[in-house]
Amino acid sequence: MQELWRPIDDQAVICPHCGVSQTPPVQDNGGFGWGLLGCCIPIVGLVLFLVWKDTKPKTAKAAGVGALVCVCLYALLYLCVFTMGISAYALWP
């Protein structure tokens, strides 16, 4: 019978008690840089969100929010340009 939750060395690759391989913890800090990358290149932010959503949820959210912010800003820009064009056409003598 296996004994679970016995302390092992932090540097151990396999558990000396049961032989199961140990995986190092994944760093997930959700950095600002990934959000900025997602904002500058929205397709990269979307791809990173889809790739990391299960393994690095904070970082995936940062990249996804950056891409979403960029898409919303472009939509707002197009709406403003369209509105100014329609209003300029309506005021043309």
C-alpha atoms as a PDB file:
ATOM      1  CA  MET A   1       0.000   0.000   0.000  1.00  0.00           C
ATOM      2  CA  GLN A   2       1.272   3.502  -0.857  1.00  0.00           C
ATOM      3  CA  GLU A   3       1.691   6.196   1.759  1.00  0.00           C
ATOM      4  CA  LEU A   4       0.607   9.571   0.412  1.00  0.00           C
ATOM      5  CA  TRP A   5       1.609  13.075   1.452  1.00  0.00           C
ATOM      6  CA  ARG A   6       4.950  12.165   2.934  1.00  0.00           C
ATOM      7  CA  PRO A   7       7.483  15.010   2.704  1.00  0.00           C
ATOM      8  CA  ILE A   8      10.126  14.724   0.006  1.00  0.00           C
ATOM      9  CA  ASP A   9      13.088  16.827  -1.073  1.00  0.00           C
ATOM     10  CA  ASP A  10      12.250  19.862  -3.263  1.00  0.00           C
ATOM     11  CA  GLN A  11      14.924  18.856  -5.783  1.00  0.00           C
ATOM     12  CA  ALA A  12      13.660  15.257  -6.156  1.00  0.00           C
ATOM     13  CA  VAL A  13      12.674  14.279  -9.696  1.00  0.00           C
ATOM     14  CA  ILE A  14      10.780  11.194  -8.533  1.00  0.00           C
ATOM     15  CA  CYS A  15       9.171  10.384  -5.178  1.00  0.00           C
ATOM     16  CA  PRO A  16      11.475   8.073  -3.192  1.00  0.00           C
ATOM     17  CA  HIS A  17       8.461   6.499  -1.491  1.00  0.00           C
ATOM     18  CA  CYS A  18       6.193   5.599  -4.408  1.00  0.00           C
ATOM     19  CA  GLY A  19       8.258   6.322  -7.560  1.00  0.00           C
ATOM     20  CA  VAL A  20       5.886   8.873  -9.134  1.00  0.00           C
ATOM     21  CA  SER A  21       7.601  11.600 -11.142  1.00  0.00           C
ATOM     22  CA  GLN A  22       7.309  15.097  -9.711  1.00  0.00           C
ATOM     23  CA  THR A  23       6.381  18.061 -11.906  1.00  0.00           C
ATOM     24  CA  PRO A  24       7.678  21.507 -11.018  1.00  0.00           C
ATOM     25  CA  PRO A  25       5.015  24.136 -10.275  1.00  0.00           C
ATOM     26  CA  VAL A  26       4.186  26.462 -13.181  1.00  0.00           C
ATOM     27  CA  GLN A  27       4.784  30.167 -12.595  1.00  0.00           C
ATOM     28  CA  ASP A  28       1.619  32.081 -13.384  1.00  0.00           C
ATOM     29  CA  ASN A  29       1.961  35.743 -12.517  1.00  0.00           C
ATOM     30  CA  GLY A  30      -0.272  37.274 -15.210  1.00  0.00           C
ATOM     31  CA  GLY A  31       2.270  39.901 -16.181  1.00  0.00           C
ATOM     32  CA  PHE A  32       1.530  43.258 -17.778  1.00  0.00           C
ATOM     33  CA  GLY A  33       3.844  42.430 -20.687  1.00  0.00           C
ATOM     34  CA  TRP A  34       1.555  39.679 -21.991  1.00  0.00           C
ATOM     35  CA  GLY A  35      -1.397  42.079 -21.886  1.00  0.00           C
ATOM     36  CA  LEU A  36       0.603  44.674 -23.783  1.00  0.00           C
ATOM     37  CA  LEU A  37       1.621  42.072 -26.365  1.00  0.00           C
ATOM     38  CA  GLY A  38      -2.037  41.050 -26.734  1.00  0.00           C
ATOM     39  CA  CYS A  39      -3.003  44.697 -27.215  1.00  0.00           C
ATOM     40  CA  CYS A  40      -0.309  45.372 -29.817  1.00  0.00           C
ATOM     41  CA  ILE A  41      -0.916  42.136 -31.740  1.00  0.00           C
ATOM     42  CA  PRO A  42      -4.465  40.929 -30.965  1.00  0.00           C
ATOM     43  CA  ILE A  43      -4.226  37.626 -32.837  1.00  0.00           C
ATOM     44  CA  VAL A  44      -1.206  36.650 -30.711  1.00  0.00           C
ATOM     45  CA  GLY A  45      -3.145  37.557 -27.559  1.00  0.00           C
ATOM     46  CA  LEU A  46      -6.033  35.358 -28.671  1.00  0.00           C
ATOM     47  CA  VAL A  47      -3.750  32.429 -29.486  1.00  0.00           C
ATOM     48  CA  LEU A  48      -1.919  32.759 -26.160  1.00  0.00           C
ATOM     49  CA  PHE A  49      -5.245  32.883 -24.329  1.00  0.00           C
ATOM     50  CA  LEU A  50      -6.412  29.691 -25.995  1.00  0.00           C
ATOM     51  CA  VAL A  51      -3.107  27.899 -25.377  1.00  0.00           C
ATOM     52  CA  TRP A  52      -2.657  28.953 -21.734  1.00  0.00           C
ATOM     53  CA  LYS A  53      -6.248  29.029 -20.452  1.00  0.00           C
ATOM     54  CA  ASP A  54      -5.878  25.688 -18.608  1.00  0.00           C
ATOM     55  CA  THR A  55      -2.227  25.759 -17.523  1.00  0.00           C
ATOM     56  CA  LYS A  56      -1.651  29.483 -16.832  1.00  0.00           C
ATOM     57  CA  PRO A  57      -5.060  31.100 -16.258  1.00  0.00           C
ATOM     58  CA  LYS A  58      -3.778  34.478 -14.967  1.00  0.00           C
ATOM     59  CA  THR A  59      -1.343  34.959 -17.843  1.00  0.00           C
ATOM     60  CA  ALA A  60      -3.972  33.776 -20.345  1.00  0.00           C
ATOM     61  CA  LYS A  61      -6.439  36.301 -18.962  1.00  0.00           C
ATOM     62  CA  ALA A  62      -3.890  39.124 -19.282  1.00  0.00           C
ATOM     63  CA  ALA A  63      -3.186  38.268 -22.929  1.00  0.00           C
ATOM     64  CA  GLY A  64      -6.890  37.827 -23.710  1.00  0.00           C
ATOM     65  CA  VAL A  65      -7.886  41.112 -22.074  1.00  0.00           C
ATOM     66  CA  GLY A  66      -5.135  42.899 -23.998  1.00  0.00           C
ATOM     67  CA  ALA A  67      -6.458  41.516 -27.274  1.00  0.00           C
ATOM     68  CA  LEU A  68     -10.029  42.410 -26.322  1.00  0.00           C
ATOM     69  CA  VAL A  69      -9.057  45.973 -25.422  1.00  0.00           C
ATOM     70  CA  CYS A  70      -7.376  46.416 -28.799  1.00  0.00           C
ATOM     71  CA  VAL A  71     -10.384  45.087 -30.713  1.00  0.00           C
ATOM     72  CA  CYS A  72     -12.740  47.358 -28.746  1.00  0.00           C
ATOM     73  CA  LEU A  73     -10.528  50.397 -29.396  1.00  0.00           C
ATOM     74  CA  TYR A  74     -10.475  49.658 -33.132  1.00  0.00           C
ATOM     75  CA  ALA A  75     -14.264  49.266 -33.167  1.00  0.00           C
ATOM     76  CA  LEU A  76     -14.654  52.587 -31.340  1.00  0.00           C
ATOM     77  CA  LEU A  77     -12.261  54.265 -33.780  1.00  0.00           C
ATOM     78  CA  TYR A  78     -14.201  52.964 -36.797  1.00  0.00           C
ATOM     79  CA  LEU A  79     -17.482  54.074 -35.228  1.00  0.00           C
ATOM     80  CA  CYS A  80     -16.121  57.588 -34.639  1.00  0.00           C
ATOM     81  CA  VAL A  81     -14.769  57.864 -38.188  1.00  0.00           C
ATOM     82  CA  PHE A  82     -18.067  56.585 -39.630  1.00  0.00           C
ATOM     83  CA  THR A  83     -20.073  59.067 -37.526  1.00  0.00           C
ATOM     84  CA  MET A  84     -17.872  61.971 -38.566  1.00  0.00           C
ATOM     85  CA  GLY A  85     -18.195  60.953 -42.211  1.00  0.00           C
ATOM     86  CA  ILE A  86     -21.985  60.777 -42.054  1.00  0.00           C
ATOM     87  CA  SER A  87     -22.234  64.105 -40.226  1.00  0.00           C
ATOM     88  CA  ALA A  88     -19.846  65.780 -42.698  1.00  0.00           C
ATOM     89  CA  TYR A  89     -21.906  64.461 -45.609  1.00  0.00           C
ATOM     90  CA  ALA A  90     -25.136  65.725 -44.020  1.00  0.00           C
ATOM     91  CA  LEU A  91     -23.672  69.194 -43.524  1.00  0.00           C
ATOM     92  CA  TRP A  92     -22.244  69.431 -47.055  1.00  0.00           C
ATOM     93  CA  PRO A  93     -24.055  72.221 -48.978  1.00  0.00           C
END
